[in-house]
Amino acid sequence: MGRKRIGLLFQFNKNWTGGHYYLLNIIRALGRLPMESKPHIVLFSQKGKRPDLEDVTYDFISDRRIKKPFNLLERVLRKVGVLSKAYVPYYSKNTVSYIYPYNGDYNFPSLRKIKPVYWLPDFQHKYLTQFFSSEEIQGRDVQFKAISEKRSKLVLSSNSAKQDFIKFYPENKNQTFTIPFATILPDFSTVHIDELRIKYNLEGPYFISPNQFWAHKNHLIILESLVLLKAKGVKFMVVFTGNENDYRNPGYLQSLKDFVKNNSLEKSVKFLGFIDRVDQLQLMNNAIGIIQPSFFEGWSTVVEDGKSMNQFIIASSIEVHKEQLTDYPNAVLFASDKSNDLAMQLEKFGTNPPVRLRYRYEVKILDFAKSFMAVMN
């Protein structure tokens, strides 16, 4: 038999770096499989050229171009023969066994003969309605409902998400799979922490929160905890990195900066924005610990990044974080709505930095790769 061929769909919005990293981690994880078990990966994108894969290398990989449905003008031009039908390639079911990750937003004529495997990262819009417009909530509801009615494979990244799916769509027709992803980080040893301290003007020990600036990431609780610590005469530096654009709430970042100014926290907070990935990872690795205060996650990339580098993690006590950190020895949880709880943890570990115990993360990577391939059979 020939090598199995699977398709990966690179269509994530540039504002969601987590989606991009998710696909990179799939490729990296599959690269850890024995040579005979590695599939041939076909990358589908609208450009038809290799997306940015950072330092990813893979033995069997190729690219294919796709196009979204034709607009009215294109349909007219095709009908009268001005626009060639060869304008867009159509792929047969023999191109790949499955294409992943698919969802209701994708409707590509090029791929209509290929079996999709769907992926729903989380059901945040069902719980945190204040962070979504009514149009976006309605759109997601329609999209998710349509997926639940398909007799297709569906991947969820956590048991928590799977329980939500069953709760909201009890009559679903899908064959569901839970596949917690693992992260395989690029080599960040090429940059030295002393150089980064100079580059980003960092002095002394610090905590880091490497999250996109979306409101549900709950950055404010970190700032509130710093106010409490300041009142006690205790000062810690917290570094924030991540994409600063929240399309749902454009004023979110400015509200955080205003809070910093109004509470005179300028010496305790650094907003670095979206920085080079290697720089970010080295800063994470040399921090006292990583703070992940999110109100909601499907399966946190930040938490997995921290686990993969054996770093200490201070995470909000939401169900998915409990699930992710069940067997991880270098973590504590705090109530996501109690700044005094987080302040206590920052003071405790800022004063006495935690010892990072060894954790065999390589096992998680292989489990991820094997589970992924099992779905694609």
Protein backbone atom coordinates (compact mmCIF):
# COMPACT_ATOMS: atom_id res chain seq x y z
CA MET A 1 0.00 0.00 0.00
CA GLY A 2 1.09 3.56 -0.68
CA ARG A 3 1.58 6.23 1.91
CA LYS A 4 -1.66 7.58 3.38
CA ARG A 5 -2.56 11.07 2.14
CA ILE A 6 -4.39 13.58 4.34
CA GLY A 7 -5.29 17.19 3.67
CA LEU A 8 -4.79 20.15 6.00
CA LEU A 9 -6.80 23.29 5.35
CA PHE A 10 -4.89 26.53 6.06
CA GLN A 11 -7.71 29.07 6.26
CA PHE A 12 -7.55 30.58 9.73
CA ASN A 13 -8.05 34.28 10.29
CA LYS A 14 -4.75 36.07 10.82
CA ASN A 15 -6.13 37.52 14.07
CA TRP A 16 -6.33 34.04 15.60
CA THR A 17 -2.73 32.87 16.00
CA GLY A 18 -3.92 29.88 18.03
CA GLY A 19 -5.52 28.37 14.91
CA HIS A 20 -2.31 28.79 12.93
CA TYR A 21 -0.20 27.23 15.70
CA TYR A 22 -2.70 24.36 15.95
CA LEU A 23 -1.99 23.31 12.36
CA LEU A 24 1.76 23.71 12.81
CA ASN A 25 1.59 21.43 15.84
CA ILE A 26 -0.27 18.77 13.85
CA ILE A 27 2.52 18.72 11.25
CA ARG A 28 5.25 18.70 13.90
CA ALA A 29 3.55 15.89 15.83
CA LEU A 30 3.14 13.75 12.71
CA GLY A 31 6.84 14.29 12.10
CA ARG A 32 7.55 12.35 15.31
CA LEU A 33 5.95 9.18 13.96
CA PRO A 34 8.07 6.34 12.54
CA MET A 35 8.92 6.90 8.88
CA GLU A 36 6.56 4.15 7.69
CA SER A 37 3.64 5.67 9.63
CA LYS A 38 4.02 9.27 8.44
CA PRO A 39 1.26 10.35 6.06
CA HIS A 40 1.75 12.50 2.99
CA ILE A 41 0.34 15.92 3.94
CA VAL A 42 -1.36 18.03 1.31
CA LEU A 43 -1.69 21.66 2.33
CA PHE A 44 -4.74 23.34 0.83
CA SER A 45 -4.83 27.14 0.74
CA GLN A 46 -6.27 29.85 -1.47
CA LYS A 47 -2.79 30.99 -2.47
CA GLY A 48 -1.72 27.49 -3.39
CA LYS A 49 1.70 28.23 -1.95
CA ARG A 50 3.27 26.99 1.23
CA PRO A 51 1.95 28.97 4.22
CA ASP A 52 4.41 30.23 6.82
CA LEU A 53 5.53 27.05 8.58
CA GLU A 54 8.20 28.70 10.73
CA ASP A 55 10.98 26.13 11.10
CA VAL A 56 8.78 23.09 10.39
CA THR A 57 10.36 20.37 8.28
CA TYR A 58 8.40 17.34 7.11
CA ASP A 59 9.39 14.47 4.83
CA PHE A 60 6.21 14.17 2.75
CA ILE A 61 4.36 17.38 1.99
CA SER A 62 2.87 19.19 -1.01
CA ASP A 63 0.64 22.20 -1.77
CA ARG A 64 -2.67 22.63 -3.57
CA ARG A 65 -4.66 25.72 -4.49
CA ILE A 66 -8.34 26.17 -3.69
CA LYS A 67 -10.81 28.98 -4.14
CA LYS A 68 -13.92 29.95 -2.26
CA PRO A 69 -17.29 29.86 -4.05
CA PHE A 70 -17.60 32.11 -7.09
CA ASN A 71 -19.23 35.49 -6.68
CA LEU A 72 -22.06 36.60 -8.97
CA LEU A 73 -19.75 38.17 -11.58
CA GLU A 74 -17.55 35.06 -11.74
CA ARG A 75 -20.60 32.80 -12.17
CA VAL A 76 -21.82 34.94 -15.08
CA LEU A 77 -18.38 34.97 -16.74
CA ARG A 78 -18.08 31.22 -16.40
CA LYS A 79 -21.56 30.70 -17.88
CA VAL A 80 -20.75 32.73 -21.01
CA GLY A 81 -17.35 31.11 -21.33
CA VAL A 82 -15.23 34.18 -20.57
CA LEU A 83 -13.85 32.62 -17.40
CA SER A 84 -12.39 29.19 -17.98
CA LYS A 85 -13.72 26.32 -15.94
CA ALA A 86 -10.09 25.42 -15.38
CA TYR A 87 -9.81 28.65 -13.41
CA VAL A 88 -10.21 26.63 -10.22
CA PRO A 89 -8.89 23.10 -9.75
CA TYR A 90 -11.30 20.39 -8.61
CA TYR A 91 -9.86 17.53 -6.59
CA SER A 92 -11.10 13.97 -6.65
CA LYS A 93 -11.67 11.74 -3.64
CA ASN A 94 -8.33 10.09 -4.45
CA THR A 95 -6.37 13.30 -3.77
CA VAL A 96 -6.51 12.75 0.00
CA SER A 97 -8.45 10.44 2.32
CA TYR A 98 -9.78 13.31 4.45
CA ILE A 99 -9.38 17.04 4.77
CA TYR A 100 -9.11 18.73 8.17
CA PRO A 101 -10.02 20.95 10.00
CA TYR A 102 -13.34 21.73 8.38
CA ASN A 103 -16.22 23.81 9.74
CA GLY A 104 -19.37 25.45 8.47
CA ASP A 105 -17.55 28.58 7.29
CA TYR A 106 -15.75 26.62 4.61
CA ASN A 107 -17.49 25.87 1.35
CA PHE A 108 -14.92 25.21 -1.33
CA PRO A 109 -16.06 23.80 -4.69
CA SER A 110 -12.53 22.45 -5.16
CA LEU A 111 -12.98 20.10 -2.20
CA ARG A 112 -16.58 18.97 -2.52
CA LYS A 113 -15.63 15.37 -3.41
CA ILE A 114 -13.25 14.96 -0.47
CA LYS A 115 -14.45 13.70 2.91
CA PRO A 116 -14.25 16.43 5.56
CA VAL A 117 -13.34 15.95 9.19
CA TYR A 118 -14.85 18.77 11.22
CA TRP A 119 -13.30 20.54 14.22
CA LEU A 120 -15.02 22.74 16.78
CA PRO A 121 -12.53 24.30 19.21
CA ASP A 122 -15.02 25.48 21.86
CA PHE A 123 -18.50 26.81 22.66
CA GLN A 124 -17.49 30.11 24.17
CA HIS A 125 -20.36 31.98 22.50
CA LYS A 126 -22.83 29.90 24.50
CA TYR A 127 -21.35 31.03 27.83
CA LEU A 128 -19.76 34.45 27.34
CA THR A 129 -22.42 36.13 25.24
CA GLN A 130 -21.21 39.57 26.32
CA PHE A 131 -18.11 39.13 24.16
CA PHE A 132 -20.03 38.47 20.93
CA SER A 133 -22.39 40.44 18.75
CA SER A 134 -25.89 39.02 18.27
CA GLU A 135 -25.04 38.44 14.60
CA GLU A 136 -21.93 36.44 15.49
CA ILE A 137 -23.80 34.34 18.04
CA GLN A 138 -26.52 33.59 15.52
CA GLY A 139 -23.94 32.76 12.86
CA ARG A 140 -22.12 30.32 15.12
CA ASP A 141 -25.36 28.69 16.20
CA VAL A 142 -26.37 28.10 12.59
CA GLN A 143 -22.88 26.85 11.71
CA PHE A 144 -22.59 24.46 14.67
CA LYS A 145 -26.13 23.15 14.20
CA ALA A 146 -25.42 22.39 10.54
CA ILE A 147 -22.27 20.47 11.50
CA SER A 148 -24.18 18.46 14.12
CA GLU A 149 -26.57 17.24 11.42
CA LYS A 150 -23.84 15.79 9.20
CA ARG A 151 -22.90 12.13 9.36
CA SER A 152 -19.25 13.07 9.44
CA LYS A 153 -16.34 12.79 11.81
CA LEU A 154 -16.00 15.61 14.33
CA VAL A 155 -12.95 16.36 16.46
CA LEU A 156 -13.12 18.20 19.78
CA SER A 157 -9.99 19.15 21.69
CA SER A 158 -11.19 18.40 25.22
CA ASN A 159 -13.68 16.29 27.12
CA SER A 160 -15.14 19.54 28.37
CA ALA A 161 -15.86 20.66 24.78
CA LYS A 162 -17.27 17.24 23.93
CA GLN A 163 -19.66 17.41 26.87
CA ASP A 164 -20.76 20.87 25.72
CA PHE A 165 -21.36 19.58 22.21
CA ILE A 166 -23.56 16.76 23.48
CA LYS A 167 -25.34 19.17 25.82
CA PHE A 168 -26.19 21.68 23.09
CA TYR A 169 -26.71 19.17 20.25
CA PRO A 170 -28.03 15.96 21.87
CA GLU A 171 -29.44 14.70 18.56
CA ASN A 172 -26.19 15.13 16.64
CA LYS A 173 -25.35 12.58 13.94
CA ASN A 174 -21.58 12.88 14.14
CA GLN A 175 -18.93 10.37 15.00
CA THR A 176 -17.10 12.37 17.67
CA PHE A 177 -13.48 12.17 18.80
CA THR A 178 -11.64 13.92 21.61
CA ILE A 179 -8.04 14.75 20.65
CA PRO A 180 -6.18 17.03 23.05
CA PHE A 181 -3.40 18.63 21.03
CA ALA A 182 0.20 18.92 22.12
CA THR A 183 2.63 21.66 21.14
CA ILE A 184 6.05 21.15 19.63
CA LEU A 185 7.98 24.36 19.98
CA PRO A 186 10.53 25.77 17.53
CA ASP A 187 14.11 26.00 18.78
CA PHE A 188 14.32 29.17 20.88
CA SER A 189 17.88 28.63 22.12
CA THR A 190 19.10 30.82 19.25
CA VAL A 191 18.29 33.94 21.30
CA HIS A 192 19.75 34.66 24.73
CA ILE A 193 17.66 35.99 27.58
CA ASP A 194 20.21 38.73 28.34
CA GLU A 195 19.81 40.05 24.81
CA LEU A 196 16.03 40.00 25.17
CA ARG A 197 16.17 41.87 28.46
CA ILE A 198 18.04 44.65 26.70
CA LYS A 199 15.79 44.53 23.63
CA TYR A 200 12.57 44.79 25.65
CA ASN A 201 13.94 46.81 28.59
CA LEU A 202 13.24 44.20 31.24
CA GLU A 203 14.86 44.29 34.67
CA GLY A 204 14.62 41.75 37.45
CA PRO A 205 12.34 38.72 37.76
CA TYR A 206 8.98 38.74 36.00
CA PHE A 207 5.83 36.74 35.31
CA ILE A 208 4.51 36.51 31.76
CA SER A 209 1.03 36.27 30.23
CA PRO A 210 1.39 35.40 26.51
CA ASN A 211 -2.24 35.77 25.37
CA GLN A 212 -3.94 37.52 22.51
CA PHE A 213 -5.69 40.66 23.71
CA TRP A 214 -9.24 39.35 23.59
CA ALA A 215 -11.55 40.24 26.45
CA HIS A 216 -12.25 36.62 27.43
CA LYS A 217 -8.54 36.15 28.15
CA ASN A 218 -9.17 38.10 31.36
CA HIS A 219 -6.01 40.23 31.48
CA LEU A 220 -7.69 42.64 33.89
CA ILE A 221 -7.54 40.26 36.83
CA ILE A 222 -3.74 40.32 36.61
CA LEU A 223 -3.72 44.11 36.79
CA GLU A 224 -6.18 44.06 39.69
CA SER A 225 -3.93 41.64 41.56
CA LEU A 226 -0.97 43.96 41.02
CA VAL A 227 -2.95 46.81 42.61
CA LEU A 228 -3.55 44.63 45.68
CA LEU A 229 0.13 43.72 45.89
CA LYS A 230 1.19 47.33 45.45
CA ALA A 231 -0.95 48.32 48.43
CA LYS A 232 1.04 45.79 50.48
CA GLY A 233 4.33 47.17 49.24
CA VAL A 234 4.97 44.09 47.11
CA LYS A 235 5.92 44.71 43.49
CA PHE A 236 6.27 42.26 40.64
CA MET A 237 6.79 42.77 36.93
CA VAL A 238 4.28 41.18 34.57
CA VAL A 239 5.02 41.01 30.85
CA PHE A 240 2.15 40.79 28.36
CA THR A 241 2.68 39.56 24.80
CA GLY A 242 0.23 38.77 22.03
CA ASN A 243 -1.80 40.09 19.13
CA GLU A 244 -3.29 43.40 20.29
CA ASN A 245 -6.31 43.39 17.97
CA ASP A 246 -9.69 42.34 19.38
CA TYR A 247 -12.14 42.70 16.50
CA ARG A 248 -15.06 42.19 18.87
CA ASN A 249 -13.90 44.84 21.31
CA PRO A 250 -11.50 47.36 19.67
CA GLY A 251 -11.16 49.40 22.86
CA TYR A 252 -10.12 46.46 25.03
CA LEU A 253 -6.36 47.02 25.01
CA GLN A 254 -6.70 50.74 25.62
CA SER A 255 -8.92 50.04 28.63
CA LEU A 256 -6.12 47.91 30.09
CA LYS A 257 -3.54 50.62 29.45
CA ASP A 258 -5.84 53.21 31.04
CA PHE A 259 -6.15 50.97 34.10
CA VAL A 260 -2.36 50.75 34.34
CA LYS A 261 -2.02 54.53 34.14
CA ASN A 262 -4.85 55.28 36.57
CA ASN A 263 -3.38 52.91 39.14
CA SER A 264 0.29 53.91 38.59
CA LEU A 265 1.36 50.42 37.55
CA GLU A 266 3.72 51.57 34.78
CA LYS A 267 6.76 50.12 36.55
CA SER A 268 5.04 46.77 37.07
CA VAL A 269 3.62 46.13 33.59
CA LYS A 270 5.09 45.72 30.10
CA PHE A 271 2.93 45.46 26.99
CA LEU A 272 5.18 44.04 24.26
CA GLY A 273 2.52 43.30 21.66
CA PHE A 274 2.95 40.63 19.00
CA ILE A 275 6.64 39.77 19.11
CA ASP A 276 8.80 37.21 17.34
CA ARG A 277 7.73 33.71 18.36
CA VAL A 278 11.25 32.69 19.37
CA ASP A 279 11.61 35.81 21.54
CA GLN A 280 8.27 35.07 23.18
CA LEU A 281 9.21 31.48 24.00
CA GLN A 282 12.55 32.43 25.52
CA LEU A 283 10.82 35.07 27.65
CA MET A 284 8.30 32.45 28.76
CA ASN A 285 11.06 30.00 29.59
CA ASN A 286 12.92 32.52 31.78
CA ALA A 287 9.91 33.90 33.61
CA ILE A 288 9.07 33.02 37.21
CA GLY A 289 5.97 31.47 35.73
CA ILE A 290 3.28 31.77 33.08
CA ILE A 291 -0.08 33.29 34.00
CA GLN A 292 -3.09 31.97 32.07
CA PRO A 293 -6.15 33.78 33.50
CA SER A 294 -8.68 33.05 30.73
CA PHE A 295 -12.42 32.83 31.37
CA PHE A 296 -12.80 30.23 28.63
CA GLU A 297 -10.69 27.93 26.46
CA GLY A 298 -11.21 24.97 24.16
CA TRP A 299 -7.74 23.61 24.92
CA SER A 300 -5.24 26.28 25.86
CA THR A 301 -2.19 26.68 23.62
CA VAL A 302 -0.55 28.79 26.34
CA VAL A 303 -0.91 25.96 28.85
CA GLU A 304 0.48 23.41 26.39
CA ASP A 305 3.40 25.69 25.53
CA GLY A 306 4.19 25.96 29.22
CA LYS A 307 3.96 22.20 29.75
CA SER A 308 6.19 21.51 26.76
CA MET A 309 8.99 23.65 28.23
CA ASN A 310 8.37 22.35 31.75
CA GLN A 311 7.53 25.86 32.97
CA PHE A 312 5.49 26.76 36.05
CA ILE A 313 1.89 27.74 35.24
CA ILE A 314 -0.61 29.77 37.25
CA ALA A 315 -3.97 29.14 35.54
CA SER A 316 -7.60 30.02 36.13
CA SER A 317 -9.62 27.16 37.57
CA ILE A 318 -11.92 26.64 34.58
CA GLU A 319 -12.80 23.04 33.73
CA VAL A 320 -10.59 22.72 30.67
CA HIS A 321 -7.53 23.95 32.60
CA LYS A 322 -8.22 21.35 35.27
CA GLU A 323 -8.36 18.76 32.50
CA GLN A 324 -5.12 19.97 30.90
CA LEU A 325 -3.20 20.11 34.16
CA THR A 326 -4.46 16.89 35.75
CA ASP A 327 -1.09 15.14 35.78
CA TYR A 328 1.18 18.19 35.38
CA PRO A 329 3.25 18.83 38.55
CA ASN A 330 4.26 22.43 37.85
CA ALA A 331 0.96 24.29 38.16
CA VAL A 332 -1.52 25.91 40.54
CA LEU A 333 -5.06 27.12 39.90
CA PHE A 334 -6.84 30.29 41.01
CA ALA A 335 -10.44 31.50 40.79
CA SER A 336 -10.81 33.46 37.56
CA ASP A 337 -13.00 36.10 39.25
CA LYS A 338 -10.95 36.61 42.43
CA SER A 339 -7.98 38.96 42.06
CA ASN A 340 -6.98 38.38 45.69
CA ASP A 341 -6.58 34.67 44.92
CA LEU A 342 -4.20 35.41 42.04
CA ALA A 343 -2.38 38.05 44.09
CA MET A 344 -1.70 35.46 46.77
CA GLN A 345 -0.17 33.10 44.19
CA LEU A 346 1.98 35.84 42.65
CA GLU A 347 3.27 36.89 46.04
CA LYS A 348 3.98 33.31 47.09
CA PHE A 349 5.90 32.27 43.99
CA GLY A 350 7.41 35.66 43.28
CA THR A 351 9.04 35.56 46.72
CA ASN A 352 10.03 31.89 46.51
CA PRO A 353 10.32 30.90 42.83
CA PRO A 354 8.92 27.40 42.18
CA VAL A 355 11.13 24.42 41.39
CA ARG A 356 10.29 23.05 37.95
CA LEU A 357 9.81 19.29 38.23
CA ARG A 358 10.55 17.04 35.24
CA TYR A 359 7.59 16.13 33.05
CA ARG A 360 7.66 13.67 30.13
CA TYR A 361 5.89 15.75 27.52
CA GLU A 362 7.16 13.67 24.60
CA VAL A 363 4.54 11.06 25.47
CA LYS A 364 1.78 13.64 24.95
CA ILE A 365 3.15 14.52 21.52
CA LEU A 366 3.14 10.91 20.35
CA ASP A 367 -0.36 10.36 21.77
CA PHE A 368 -1.54 13.39 19.81
CA ALA A 369 -0.02 12.13 16.55
CA LYS A 370 -1.38 8.59 16.96
CA SER A 371 -4.86 9.80 17.93
CA PHE A 372 -4.94 12.13 14.94
CA MET A 373 -3.99 9.35 12.54
CA ALA A 374 -6.59 7.02 14.07
CA VAL A 375 -9.32 9.52 13.10
CA MET A 376 -7.95 9.75 9.57
CA ASN A 377 -8.28 5.98 8.98
